[in-house]
C-alpha atoms as a PDB file:
ATOM      1  CA  MET A   1      -9.541  -6.727-113.919  1.00  0.00           C
ATOM      2  CA  GLN A   2      -8.334  -6.775-117.497  1.00  0.00           C
ATOM      3  CA  SER A   3      -4.767  -6.789-116.211  1.00  0.00           C
ATOM      4  CA  LEU A   4      -5.544  -9.889-114.112  1.00  0.00           C
ATOM      5  CA  PHE A   5      -6.759 -11.659-117.255  1.00  0.00           C
ATOM      6  CA  GLN A   6      -3.598 -10.669-119.131  1.00  0.00           C
ATOM      7  CA  ILE A   7      -1.358 -11.768-116.249  1.00  0.00           C
ATOM      8  CA  LEU A   8      -3.069 -15.170-116.088  1.00  0.00           C
ATOM      9  CA  MET A   9      -2.686 -15.628-119.836  1.00  0.00           C
ATOM     10  CA  LEU A  10       0.982 -14.609-119.611  1.00  0.00           C
ATOM     11  CA  ILE A  11       1.636 -17.134-116.837  1.00  0.00           C
ATOM     12  CA  LEU A  12      -0.015 -19.878-118.888  1.00  0.00           C
ATOM     13  CA  ASP A  13       2.102 -18.893-121.912  1.00  0.00           C
ATOM     14  CA  ILE A  14       5.302 -19.056-119.853  1.00  0.00           C
ATOM     15  CA  VAL A  15       4.438 -22.464-118.410  1.00  0.00           C
ATOM     16  CA  TRP A  16       3.560 -23.666-121.931  1.00  0.00           C
ATOM     17  CA  PHE A  17       6.995 -22.503-123.160  1.00  0.00           C
ATOM     18  CA  PHE A  18       8.816 -24.220-120.274  1.00  0.00           C
ATOM     19  CA  ILE A  19       7.024 -27.514-120.944  1.00  0.00           C
ATOM     20  CA  ILE A  20       7.785 -27.385-124.683  1.00  0.00           C
ATOM     21  CA  ALA A  21      11.428 -26.553-123.921  1.00  0.00           C
ATOM     22  CA  HIS A  22      11.592 -29.434-121.426  1.00  0.00           C
ATOM     23  CA  VAL A  23      10.127 -31.929-123.906  1.00  0.00           C
ATOM     24  CA  ILE A  24      12.426 -30.847-126.737  1.00  0.00           C
ATOM     25  CA  MET A  25      15.429 -30.872-124.438  1.00  0.00           C
ATOM     26  CA  SER A  26      14.575 -34.381-123.208  1.00  0.00           C
ATOM     27  CA  TRP A  27      14.445 -35.599-126.802  1.00  0.00           C
ATOM     28  CA  LEU A  28      17.793 -33.966-127.594  1.00  0.00           C
ATOM     29  CA  ILE A  29      19.357 -35.520-124.500  1.00  0.00           C
ATOM     30  CA  ASN A  30      17.929 -38.976-125.290  1.00  0.00           C
ATOM     31  CA  PHE A  31      19.172 -38.795-128.898  1.00  0.00           C
ATOM     32  CA  GLN A  32      22.574 -37.650-127.576  1.00  0.00           C
ATOM     33  CA  VAL A  33      22.498 -34.312-129.345  1.00  0.00           C
ATOM     34  CA  LEU A  34      22.891 -32.593-125.969  1.00  0.00           C
ATOM     35  CA  ASN A  35      25.164 -33.846-123.242  1.00  0.00           C
ATOM     36  CA  LEU A  36      24.363 -33.397-119.551  1.00  0.00           C
ATOM     37  CA  ARG A  37      28.097 -33.174-118.812  1.00  0.00           C
ATOM     38  CA  GLN A  38      28.078 -29.690-120.302  1.00  0.00           C
ATOM     39  CA  PRO A  39      27.508 -27.261-117.411  1.00  0.00           C
ATOM     40  CA  LEU A  40      25.013 -24.992-119.188  1.00  0.00           C
ATOM     41  CA  VAL A  41      22.928 -27.916-120.454  1.00  0.00           C
ATOM     42  CA  ALA A  42      22.943 -29.510-117.000  1.00  0.00           C
ATOM     43  CA  GLN A  43      21.885 -26.263-115.313  1.00  0.00           C
ATOM     44  CA  ILE A  44      19.025 -25.666-117.729  1.00  0.00           C
ATOM     45  CA  TRP A  45      17.890 -29.293-117.444  1.00  0.00           C
ATOM     46  CA  GLN A  46      17.974 -29.253-113.634  1.00  0.00           C
ATOM     47  CA  GLY A  47      16.167 -25.907-113.530  1.00  0.00           C
ATOM     48  CA  LEU A  48      13.388 -27.127-115.810  1.00  0.00           C
ATOM     49  CA  ASN A  49      13.077 -30.339-113.802  1.00  0.00           C
ATOM     50  CA  ARG A  50      12.788 -28.382-110.539  1.00  0.00           C
ATOM     51  CA  LEU A  51      10.088 -26.155-112.020  1.00  0.00           C
ATOM     52  CA  LEU A  52       8.022 -28.855-113.692  1.00  0.00           C
ATOM     53  CA  GLU A  53       8.459 -31.915-111.466  1.00  0.00           C
ATOM     54  CA  PRO A  54       5.878 -30.763-108.866  1.00  0.00           C
ATOM     55  CA  ILE A  55       3.290 -30.500-111.644  1.00  0.00           C
ATOM     56  CA  TYR A  56       4.320 -33.738-113.342  1.00  0.00           C
ATOM     57  CA  SER A  57       4.435 -35.774-110.125  1.00  0.00           C
ATOM     58  CA  ARG A  58       0.796 -34.960-109.326  1.00  0.00           C
ATOM     59  CA  ILE A  59      -0.280 -35.937-112.811  1.00  0.00           C
ATOM     60  CA  ARG A  60       1.845 -39.110-112.805  1.00  0.00           C
ATOM     61  CA  SER A  61       0.202 -40.218-109.569  1.00  0.00           C
ATOM     62  CA  VAL A  62      -3.181 -40.202-111.359  1.00  0.00           C
ATOM     63  CA  LEU A  63      -2.094 -41.630-114.732  1.00  0.00           C
ATOM     64  CA  PRO A  64      -1.684 -45.393-115.147  1.00  0.00           C
ATOM     65  CA  ALA A  65       1.764 -46.804-115.919  1.00  0.00           C
ATOM     66  CA  MET A  66       2.386 -46.689-119.664  1.00  0.00           C
ATOM     67  CA  GLY A  67       5.552 -48.774-119.869  1.00  0.00           C
ATOM     68  CA  GLY A  68       8.175 -46.064-120.178  1.00  0.00           C
ATOM     69  CA  ILE A  69       6.041 -43.459-121.937  1.00  0.00           C
ATOM     70  CA  ASP A  70       5.587 -40.294-119.908  1.00  0.00           C
ATOM     71  CA  LEU A  71       2.281 -38.648-120.733  1.00  0.00           C
ATOM     72  CA  ALA A  72       2.482 -36.063-117.945  1.00  0.00           C
ATOM     73  CA  PRO A  73       3.772 -33.262-120.235  1.00  0.00           C
ATOM     74  CA  LEU A  74       1.021 -33.961-122.770  1.00  0.00           C
ATOM     75  CA  VAL A  75      -1.686 -33.947-120.099  1.00  0.00           C
ATOM     76  CA  THR A  76      -0.261 -30.723-118.681  1.00  0.00           C
ATOM     77  CA  LEU A  77      -0.251 -29.053-122.101  1.00  0.00           C
ATOM     78  CA  VAL A  78      -3.860 -30.109-122.693  1.00  0.00           C
ATOM     79  CA  ALA A  79      -4.832 -28.766-119.258  1.00  0.00           C
ATOM     80  CA  ILE A  80      -3.101 -25.439-119.951  1.00  0.00           C
ATOM     81  CA  TYR A  81      -4.841 -25.189-123.320  1.00  0.00           C
ATOM     82  CA  ALA A  82      -8.186 -25.946-121.669  1.00  0.00           C
ATOM     83  CA  LEU A  83      -7.534 -23.237-119.063  1.00  0.00           C
ATOM     84  CA  ARG A  84      -6.747 -20.755-121.837  1.00  0.00           C
ATOM     85  CA  ILE A  85     -10.036 -21.616-123.555  1.00  0.00           C
ATOM     86  CA  ILE A  86     -11.967 -21.255-120.307  1.00  0.00           C
ATOM     87  CA  LEU A  87     -10.325 -17.895-119.582  1.00  0.00           C
ATOM     88  CA  ALA A  88     -10.880 -16.633-123.129  1.00  0.00           C
ATOM     89  CA  ASN A  89     -14.544 -17.670-123.111  1.00  0.00           C
ATOM     90  CA  ASN A  90     -15.063 -15.926-119.776  1.00  0.00           C
ATOM     91  CA  ALA A  91     -13.005 -12.843-120.628  1.00  0.00           C
ATOM     92  CA  GLY A  92     -16.111 -10.700-120.202  1.00  0.00           C
ATOM     93  CA  PHE A  93     -15.968 -11.407-116.487  1.00  0.00           C
ATOM     94  CA  PHE A  94     -12.544  -9.794-116.345  1.00  0.00           C
ATOM     95  CA  TYR A  95     -13.679  -6.709-118.249  1.00  0.00           C
ATOM     96  CA  SER A  96     -16.717  -5.939-116.109  1.00  0.00           C
ATOM     97  CA  TYR A  97     -16.494  -3.107-113.606  1.00  0.00           C
END
């Protein structure tokens, strides 16, 4: 069961990294540091959007409209952090035989 705990924590770490990369990339695109006309940038951006949009769309349907501010990544990061805390506090369950 310890391996299940480690796999869950790894998955949460990977999702955390993808969200941070998506947020930073969106800032760089909006400040015109990155250009979506570059094939590699466009592929990475589309890939991150395809991975994260199903998560974001569910959160956006619950959140009120904020006038152009997207809080879905922030809410997702807080939820992932809360899941990590819950898993860490209940790690003993994963180590029992």
